[in-house]
Amino acid sequence: MFDPITIASTFYIRGFRAPGNYIQGRGVLSYLGKLVKRYGRKALVLSDSDVRRIVGGVVEESLRRFGVEYVYVIFNRECSWEEINRVTKIALENSVDMVIGVGGGKTMDTAKAVAIPNELAAVMVPTIASTDAPTSAVSVIYTEPYPGEFVEAINFHRNPDMVVVDTEVIAKAPARFLACGMGDAASHYWETRAVFQANKPGYVFMDYENRRGVEPLKPFDLPLHIAKLLWETLQKHGVAAMHAAKLKIVTPSLEQIVYANTLLSGLAFENGGTSLAHAIGNSLSVLEKKMKPLQYHGEMVAFGTLVEILAEGGLEYAVEFIKWAHSIGLPVTFEELGLRDVTDEDLYKVAEKVKATSEYQRLAYEISSDQIVAMMKVANEIGKKYGQLYPRAPYE
């Protein structure tokens, strides 16, 4: 007997996308110039001032050693239209062949939004493994000033040309970032399944208009297998990788988690689609100014994943997720998200934002604002109850 996915393949045009090259290893950043010279002779390097202080010397020395000219631009912390337009102007004025984004997700999303629409090579150099932004053809736009509120996610007609991941650099970053990457990545196991069950598309399109993909293509079943491997890798190596990150050393488990957070996560979400976990995670940004301390994307998505599991998988899976999340250090309650005085008014703001997201359109069911608020409240109570049984590990 054929399964539903095989039968459906007869009736749909399907697609798959990925970055042009993915290169990972200890010390690989010293070869950056050698790797990118295939794209041209001049680069715009984008990073914030802290990243330049930490790895800028290695980046610049490698580019010089292999004959790549460059202009270095300091990133203004937020991936906003104002910042994208500012950096684009510098790139075009300097006639660069490529944009190299060095840093975290916002830096790389900005680099993509500068490079790809202007047909420049896009090279991503993550210094933290906190998101799957490096591999994707998506940029998430926020308002100014930092920390901004979520505005929209835009799609590009191609993925980055190259992703270069130096695990020695990743290991030196605060361990919290590695945990955040796992929080983001873990969502895809549940979201990909939900999107397939709803017979909805991912982020692969036939065409692109006005920064939007149009005529979405249905996925192959490969994203389901990638998402399963991803979740298994997170469960097997997550805790050991966090110990390595706390000690600032590269181990096999850390290598596996960096690969999972970056490549596997990127392939799963882009080809399999995102759903309720990201709808809630992104929408929680409306409360960021109330969060003390400020929470990162993967932390907010982790809470969104708990909501989705309770909505679609049930209590047994939710408890399994809480146990794993707390072993990594991820939040599963409002209080752990830094929201100690959250109100119904706050939660309804989140709910209205959820309903305006593209992820909401991928749900197999319609849910009202009242239901979204109720689901978040239930997740919070379940998180508190079972979180006590499995205490939350510190990040450092």
Protein backbone atom coordinates (compact mmCIF):
# COMPACT_ATOMS: atom_id res chain seq x y z
CA MET A 1 0.00 0.00 0.00
CA PHE A 2 1.15 3.53 -0.79
CA ASP A 3 1.22 6.03 2.08
CA PRO A 4 -0.59 9.41 1.72
CA ILE A 5 2.63 11.27 0.93
CA THR A 6 3.45 8.91 -1.95
CA ILE A 7 -0.07 9.19 -3.32
CA ALA A 8 -0.01 12.99 -2.98
CA SER A 9 3.23 13.14 -4.96
CA THR A 10 1.26 12.15 -8.06
CA PHE A 11 -0.80 15.35 -7.91
CA TYR A 12 1.66 18.04 -6.80
CA ILE A 13 4.83 19.68 -8.02
CA ARG A 14 7.32 19.31 -5.19
CA GLY A 15 10.55 21.11 -4.33
CA PHE A 16 13.58 21.15 -2.03
CA ARG A 17 16.13 23.87 -1.30
CA ALA A 18 19.46 24.16 0.54
CA PRO A 19 22.53 26.41 0.79
CA GLY A 20 25.11 26.11 -1.96
CA ASN A 21 27.88 24.93 0.37
CA TYR A 22 28.01 24.05 4.06
CA ILE A 23 31.46 23.84 5.65
CA GLN A 24 32.03 23.14 9.35
CA GLY A 25 35.09 22.41 11.45
CA ARG A 26 37.52 23.60 14.06
CA GLY A 27 39.70 26.44 12.77
CA VAL A 28 38.02 26.70 9.36
CA LEU A 29 37.65 30.49 9.69
CA SER A 30 41.34 30.92 8.87
CA TYR A 31 40.53 29.55 5.39
CA LEU A 32 37.64 31.97 4.77
CA GLY A 33 39.51 33.93 2.10
CA LYS A 34 40.36 30.75 0.22
CA LEU A 35 36.75 29.60 0.36
CA VAL A 36 35.13 32.86 -0.81
CA LYS A 37 37.55 34.00 -3.50
CA ARG A 38 35.52 31.96 -6.01
CA TYR A 39 32.80 34.64 -5.71
CA GLY A 40 34.91 37.64 -6.67
CA ARG A 41 37.61 40.03 -5.56
CA LYS A 42 35.82 42.37 -3.17
CA ALA A 43 33.62 41.73 -0.13
CA LEU A 44 31.52 43.68 2.32
CA VAL A 45 32.00 42.19 5.78
CA LEU A 46 29.15 42.87 8.20
CA SER A 47 29.43 42.27 11.94
CA ASP A 48 28.75 44.09 15.17
CA SER A 49 31.62 45.68 17.08
CA ASP A 50 31.86 42.86 19.63
CA VAL A 51 32.17 40.20 16.93
CA ARG A 52 34.79 42.25 15.12
CA ARG A 53 36.80 42.45 18.31
CA ILE A 54 36.60 38.67 18.81
CA VAL A 55 37.07 37.24 15.29
CA GLY A 56 37.56 40.25 13.02
CA GLY A 57 41.31 39.82 13.03
CA VAL A 58 41.08 36.24 11.77
CA VAL A 59 38.53 37.20 9.10
CA GLU A 60 40.50 40.17 7.81
CA GLU A 61 43.84 38.35 7.83
CA SER A 62 42.37 35.45 5.87
CA LEU A 63 40.79 37.73 3.27
CA ARG A 64 44.07 39.63 2.82
CA ARG A 65 46.11 36.41 2.63
CA PHE A 66 44.00 35.10 -0.24
CA GLY A 67 43.73 38.40 -2.12
CA VAL A 68 40.14 39.40 -1.33
CA GLU A 69 39.61 43.14 -0.85
CA TYR A 70 36.99 44.15 1.68
CA VAL A 71 35.09 46.98 3.33
CA TYR A 72 34.12 46.34 6.96
CA VAL A 73 30.72 47.63 8.12
CA ILE A 74 29.61 47.61 11.76
CA PHE A 75 26.11 46.17 12.20
CA ASN A 76 23.61 48.26 14.14
CA ARG A 77 22.17 45.27 16.10
CA GLU A 78 18.69 45.03 14.54
CA CYS A 79 17.59 43.45 11.25
CA SER A 80 15.31 46.31 10.20
CA TRP A 81 14.50 47.90 6.87
CA GLU A 82 16.46 50.97 7.96
CA GLU A 83 19.59 48.89 8.56
CA ILE A 84 19.17 46.84 5.38
CA ASN A 85 18.88 50.02 3.29
CA ARG A 86 21.92 51.57 4.98
CA VAL A 87 24.16 48.56 4.36
CA THR A 88 22.84 48.08 0.81
CA LYS A 89 23.86 51.64 -0.04
CA ILE A 90 27.41 50.97 1.19
CA ALA A 91 27.61 47.68 -0.73
CA LEU A 92 26.52 49.23 -4.02
CA GLU A 93 28.72 52.30 -3.61
CA ASN A 94 31.74 50.04 -3.11
CA SER A 95 30.88 47.66 -5.98
CA VAL A 96 31.38 44.54 -3.88
CA ASP A 97 30.95 41.02 -5.24
CA MET A 98 29.81 39.41 -2.02
CA VAL A 99 28.43 40.14 1.43
CA ILE A 100 29.91 38.18 4.35
CA GLY A 101 27.70 38.22 7.43
CA VAL A 102 29.67 37.38 10.57
CA GLY A 103 27.80 36.99 13.85
CA GLY A 104 24.32 35.98 15.00
CA GLY A 105 20.98 35.54 13.28
CA LYS A 106 20.11 39.22 12.94
CA THR A 107 23.48 39.99 11.36
CA MET A 108 23.13 37.16 8.87
CA ASP A 109 19.50 37.97 8.06
CA THR A 110 20.62 41.52 7.27
CA ALA A 111 23.51 40.25 5.14
CA LYS A 112 21.12 38.04 3.15
CA ALA A 113 18.68 40.91 2.65
CA VAL A 114 21.51 43.03 1.25
CA ALA A 115 23.21 40.40 -0.91
CA ILE A 116 20.54 38.23 -2.49
CA PRO A 117 18.15 40.88 -3.92
CA ASN A 118 21.17 42.61 -5.46
CA GLU A 119 22.53 39.36 -6.94
CA LEU A 120 25.65 39.42 -4.77
CA ALA A 121 27.11 36.27 -3.27
CA ALA A 122 25.87 35.69 0.28
CA VAL A 123 28.36 34.11 2.69
CA MET A 124 27.22 33.35 6.24
CA VAL A 125 29.73 32.98 9.09
CA PRO A 126 27.84 32.29 12.32
CA THR A 127 29.75 32.92 15.53
CA ILE A 128 26.99 31.41 17.65
CA ALA A 129 24.82 28.35 16.99
CA SER A 130 21.62 29.96 18.21
CA THR A 131 19.44 29.82 15.07
CA ASP A 132 19.15 28.20 11.66
CA ALA A 133 19.38 31.60 9.94
CA PRO A 134 22.72 30.85 8.21
CA THR A 135 21.36 28.26 5.78
CA SER A 136 17.96 29.70 4.94
CA ALA A 137 16.58 31.98 2.24
CA VAL A 138 14.51 33.82 4.85
CA SER A 139 15.17 37.06 6.72
CA VAL A 140 13.10 38.05 9.74
CA ILE A 141 12.49 41.80 9.91
CA TYR A 142 12.00 43.77 13.13
CA THR A 143 11.29 47.38 14.02
CA GLU A 144 13.93 49.83 15.27
CA PRO A 145 15.36 50.38 17.81
CA TYR A 146 16.79 47.16 19.21
CA PRO A 147 15.15 45.08 20.59
CA GLY A 148 12.47 45.56 17.96
CA GLU A 149 9.11 43.92 17.43
CA PHE A 150 8.56 41.30 14.73
CA VAL A 151 7.37 42.85 11.45
CA GLU A 152 7.55 40.16 8.77
CA ALA A 153 9.54 37.29 7.35
CA ILE A 154 10.66 37.77 3.76
CA ASN A 155 11.63 35.06 1.26
CA PHE A 156 14.45 35.12 -1.26
CA HIS A 157 14.77 33.31 -4.56
CA ARG A 158 17.95 31.54 -3.48
CA ASN A 159 19.73 30.39 -0.36
CA PRO A 160 23.12 31.64 0.83
CA ASP A 161 25.94 30.58 -1.43
CA MET A 162 28.11 29.39 1.44
CA VAL A 163 27.91 28.78 5.19
CA VAL A 164 31.22 28.59 7.07
CA VAL A 165 31.00 27.38 10.68
CA ASP A 166 34.11 27.40 12.87
CA THR A 167 33.26 25.23 15.88
CA GLU A 168 36.18 26.64 17.85
CA VAL A 169 34.53 30.07 17.61
CA ILE A 170 31.12 28.59 18.50
CA ALA A 171 32.58 26.88 21.58
CA LYS A 172 33.91 30.18 22.94
CA ALA A 173 30.48 31.84 22.83
CA PRO A 174 28.21 31.83 25.90
CA ALA A 175 26.58 28.40 26.30
CA ARG A 176 23.16 30.05 26.38
CA PHE A 177 23.36 30.64 22.64
CA LEU A 178 23.86 26.93 21.97
CA ALA A 179 20.81 26.18 24.11
CA CYS A 180 18.78 28.76 22.20
CA GLY A 181 19.72 27.06 18.94
CA MET A 182 18.45 23.79 20.32
CA GLY A 183 15.22 25.47 21.43
CA ASP A 184 14.67 26.71 17.89
CA ALA A 185 15.69 23.39 16.32
CA ALA A 186 13.55 21.16 18.53
CA SER A 187 10.38 22.85 17.30
CA HIS A 188 10.84 21.50 13.79
CA TYR A 189 10.13 17.89 14.74
CA TRP A 190 6.62 18.90 15.77
CA GLU A 191 6.06 21.64 13.23
CA THR A 192 7.10 19.59 10.20
CA ARG A 193 4.71 16.82 11.18
CA ALA A 194 1.91 19.33 11.70
CA VAL A 195 2.48 20.98 8.34
CA PHE A 196 2.47 17.61 6.55
CA GLN A 197 -0.71 16.55 8.33
CA ALA A 198 -2.34 19.81 7.27
CA ASN A 199 -1.15 19.22 3.68
CA LYS A 200 0.46 22.68 3.66
CA PRO A 201 3.69 23.80 1.94
CA GLY A 202 7.03 24.83 3.39
CA TYR A 203 9.14 27.72 2.12
CA VAL A 204 9.95 26.47 -1.38
CA PHE A 205 8.25 28.40 -4.15
CA MET A 206 7.76 28.39 -7.90
CA ASP A 207 8.28 32.16 -8.13
CA TYR A 208 8.95 35.29 -6.06
CA GLU A 209 7.26 38.69 -6.13
CA ASN A 210 7.72 41.69 -3.82
CA ARG A 211 9.91 39.82 -1.34
CA ARG A 212 7.37 37.03 -1.12
CA GLY A 213 7.37 33.52 -2.42
CA VAL A 214 4.37 32.79 -4.64
CA GLU A 215 3.01 29.47 -5.88
CA PRO A 216 4.38 27.35 -3.02
CA LEU A 217 5.55 23.85 -3.84
CA LYS A 218 4.63 20.84 -1.76
CA PRO A 219 7.48 19.14 0.13
CA PHE A 220 9.00 15.73 -0.38
CA ASP A 221 9.00 13.49 2.68
CA LEU A 222 12.72 14.21 3.24
CA PRO A 223 12.04 17.06 5.74
CA LEU A 224 10.19 14.59 7.97
CA HIS A 225 13.26 12.35 8.11
CA ILE A 226 15.56 15.32 8.66
CA ALA A 227 13.37 16.59 11.51
CA LYS A 228 13.35 13.14 13.12
CA LEU A 229 17.15 12.90 12.89
CA LEU A 230 17.35 16.44 14.26
CA TRP A 231 15.25 15.66 17.36
CA GLU A 232 17.17 12.42 17.98
CA THR A 233 20.47 14.31 17.74
CA LEU A 234 19.28 16.96 20.18
CA GLN A 235 18.19 14.31 22.67
CA LYS A 236 21.39 12.28 22.32
CA HIS A 237 24.00 15.05 22.35
CA GLY A 238 22.31 18.13 23.84
CA VAL A 239 23.37 17.82 27.47
CA ALA A 240 26.94 16.75 26.64
CA ALA A 241 27.25 19.62 24.17
CA MET A 242 26.13 22.10 26.83
CA HIS A 243 28.84 20.83 29.18
CA ALA A 244 31.41 21.30 26.39
CA ALA A 245 30.11 24.80 25.70
CA LYS A 246 30.40 25.71 29.37
CA LEU A 247 34.04 24.57 29.29
CA LYS A 248 34.63 26.39 25.95
CA ILE A 249 35.95 23.23 24.26
CA VAL A 250 35.13 21.42 21.02
CA THR A 251 33.92 17.84 21.46
CA PRO A 252 32.13 15.37 19.15
CA SER A 253 28.81 16.17 20.87
CA LEU A 254 29.31 19.89 20.38
CA GLU A 255 30.12 19.31 16.70
CA GLN A 256 26.90 17.29 16.35
CA ILE A 257 24.75 19.94 18.01
CA VAL A 258 26.25 22.75 15.92
CA TYR A 259 25.48 20.68 12.81
CA ALA A 260 21.95 20.01 14.12
CA ASN A 261 21.21 23.61 15.13
CA THR A 262 22.49 25.02 11.87
CA LEU A 263 22.22 22.64 8.91
CA LEU A 264 19.60 20.07 9.95
CA SER A 265 17.38 22.72 11.51
CA GLY A 266 17.63 24.95 8.45
CA LEU A 267 16.78 22.16 6.03
CA ALA A 268 13.88 20.96 8.17
CA PHE A 269 12.14 24.30 8.66
CA GLU A 270 12.61 25.64 5.17
CA ASN A 271 11.49 22.51 3.35
CA GLY A 272 9.04 21.22 5.94
CA GLY A 273 7.50 24.51 7.09
CA THR A 274 6.88 26.12 10.46
CA SER A 275 3.67 26.14 12.44
CA LEU A 276 2.25 27.04 15.85
CA ALA A 277 5.53 26.93 17.81
CA HIS A 278 7.06 29.66 15.67
CA ALA A 279 3.80 31.60 15.44
CA ILE A 280 3.83 31.90 19.22
CA GLY A 281 7.59 32.29 19.54
CA ASN A 282 7.73 35.14 17.04
CA SER A 283 4.63 36.79 18.48
CA LEU A 284 6.01 36.81 22.02
CA SER A 285 8.30 39.57 20.75
CA VAL A 286 5.45 42.02 21.49
CA LEU A 287 6.23 41.44 25.18
CA GLU A 288 10.01 41.64 24.93
CA LYS A 289 10.14 44.99 26.70
CA LYS A 290 8.49 43.33 29.74
CA MET A 291 10.90 40.39 29.76
CA LYS A 292 13.55 40.55 32.44
CA PRO A 293 15.99 39.35 31.36
CA LEU A 294 15.44 39.71 27.62
CA GLN A 295 14.78 36.36 25.93
CA TYR A 296 16.22 35.15 22.65
CA HIS A 297 14.34 33.65 19.71
CA GLY A 298 15.04 30.02 20.58
CA GLU A 299 13.87 30.50 24.16
CA MET A 300 10.54 31.95 23.05
CA VAL A 301 10.13 29.23 20.42
CA ALA A 302 10.80 26.58 23.10
CA PHE A 303 7.73 27.79 24.98
CA GLY A 304 5.80 27.87 21.69
CA THR A 305 6.82 24.25 21.09
CA LEU A 306 5.36 23.23 24.44
CA VAL A 307 2.09 24.89 23.44
CA GLU A 308 2.08 23.07 20.10
CA ILE A 309 2.86 19.70 21.68
CA LEU A 310 -0.02 20.08 24.13
CA ALA A 311 -2.34 21.09 21.28
CA GLU A 312 -1.35 18.23 18.99
CA GLY A 313 0.63 15.57 20.84
CA GLY A 314 -0.71 15.38 24.36
CA LEU A 315 0.65 15.35 27.90
CA GLU A 316 3.08 12.43 27.57
CA TYR A 317 5.04 14.17 24.82
CA ALA A 318 4.83 17.48 26.65
CA VAL A 319 6.45 16.00 29.76
CA GLU A 320 9.19 14.45 27.62
CA PHE A 321 9.84 17.86 26.08
CA ILE A 322 9.86 19.66 29.45
CA LYS A 323 12.38 17.15 30.83
CA TRP A 324 14.66 17.66 27.82
CA ALA A 325 14.23 21.44 27.71
CA HIS A 326 15.10 21.84 31.39
CA SER A 327 18.14 19.56 30.99
CA ILE A 328 19.42 22.08 28.43
CA GLY A 329 18.31 25.12 30.43
CA LEU A 330 15.42 26.26 28.22
CA PRO A 331 12.31 28.03 29.60
CA VAL A 332 8.89 26.38 29.71
CA THR A 333 6.88 28.90 31.81
CA PHE A 334 6.03 32.59 31.71
CA GLU A 335 8.26 33.23 34.70
CA GLU A 336 11.19 31.45 33.08
CA LEU A 337 10.61 33.68 30.04
CA GLY A 338 11.11 36.66 32.33
CA LEU A 339 7.38 37.48 32.39
CA ARG A 340 6.61 37.65 36.09
CA ASP A 341 3.58 39.94 35.81
CA VAL A 342 2.00 38.79 32.55
CA THR A 343 -1.64 39.86 32.15
CA ASP A 344 -4.54 38.68 30.03
CA GLU A 345 -4.14 41.87 28.02
CA ASP A 346 -0.54 40.88 27.29
CA LEU A 347 -1.54 37.39 26.20
CA TYR A 348 -4.27 38.71 23.90
CA LYS A 349 -1.67 40.94 22.23
CA VAL A 350 0.37 37.81 21.56
CA ALA A 351 -2.70 35.94 20.31
CA GLU A 352 -3.64 38.66 17.84
CA LYS A 353 -0.07 38.69 16.55
CA VAL A 354 -0.19 34.89 16.18
CA LYS A 355 -3.24 35.10 13.93
CA ALA A 356 -1.45 37.56 11.64
CA THR A 357 1.55 35.27 11.03
CA SER A 358 2.16 33.08 7.99
CA GLU A 359 2.72 30.16 10.38
CA TYR A 360 -0.89 30.46 11.53
CA GLN A 361 -1.96 29.81 7.93
CA ARG A 362 -0.22 26.42 8.05
CA LEU A 363 -2.37 25.08 10.87
CA ALA A 364 -4.75 22.24 10.10
CA TYR A 365 -7.34 23.90 12.32
CA GLU A 366 -8.64 27.37 13.14
CA ILE A 367 -8.12 28.71 16.65
CA SER A 368 -9.51 31.88 18.14
CA SER A 369 -7.66 34.42 20.25
CA ASP A 370 -9.45 33.03 23.31
CA GLN A 371 -8.19 29.54 22.50
CA ILE A 372 -4.62 30.73 21.92
CA VAL A 373 -4.60 32.52 25.27
CA ALA A 374 -6.04 29.43 26.97
CA MET A 375 -3.41 27.19 25.34
CA MET A 376 -0.59 29.43 26.56
CA LYS A 377 -2.01 29.45 30.08
CA VAL A 378 -2.28 25.65 30.11
CA ALA A 379 1.28 25.31 28.82
CA ASN A 380 2.47 27.61 31.58
CA GLU A 381 0.73 25.53 34.27
CA ILE A 382 2.01 22.23 32.85
CA GLY A 383 5.48 23.73 32.60
CA LYS A 384 5.37 24.79 36.25
CA LYS A 385 4.06 21.44 37.48
CA TYR A 386 6.44 19.15 35.65
CA GLY A 387 9.32 21.60 35.63
CA GLN A 388 9.53 21.09 39.39
CA LEU A 389 10.12 17.37 38.81
CA TYR A 390 12.93 18.07 36.35
CA PRO A 391 14.80 21.15 37.61
CA ARG A 392 16.09 23.61 35.05
CA ALA A 393 19.84 23.41 34.47
CA PRO A 394 21.79 26.69 34.53
CA TYR A 395 23.23 27.88 31.22
CA GLU A 396 26.67 28.52 32.66
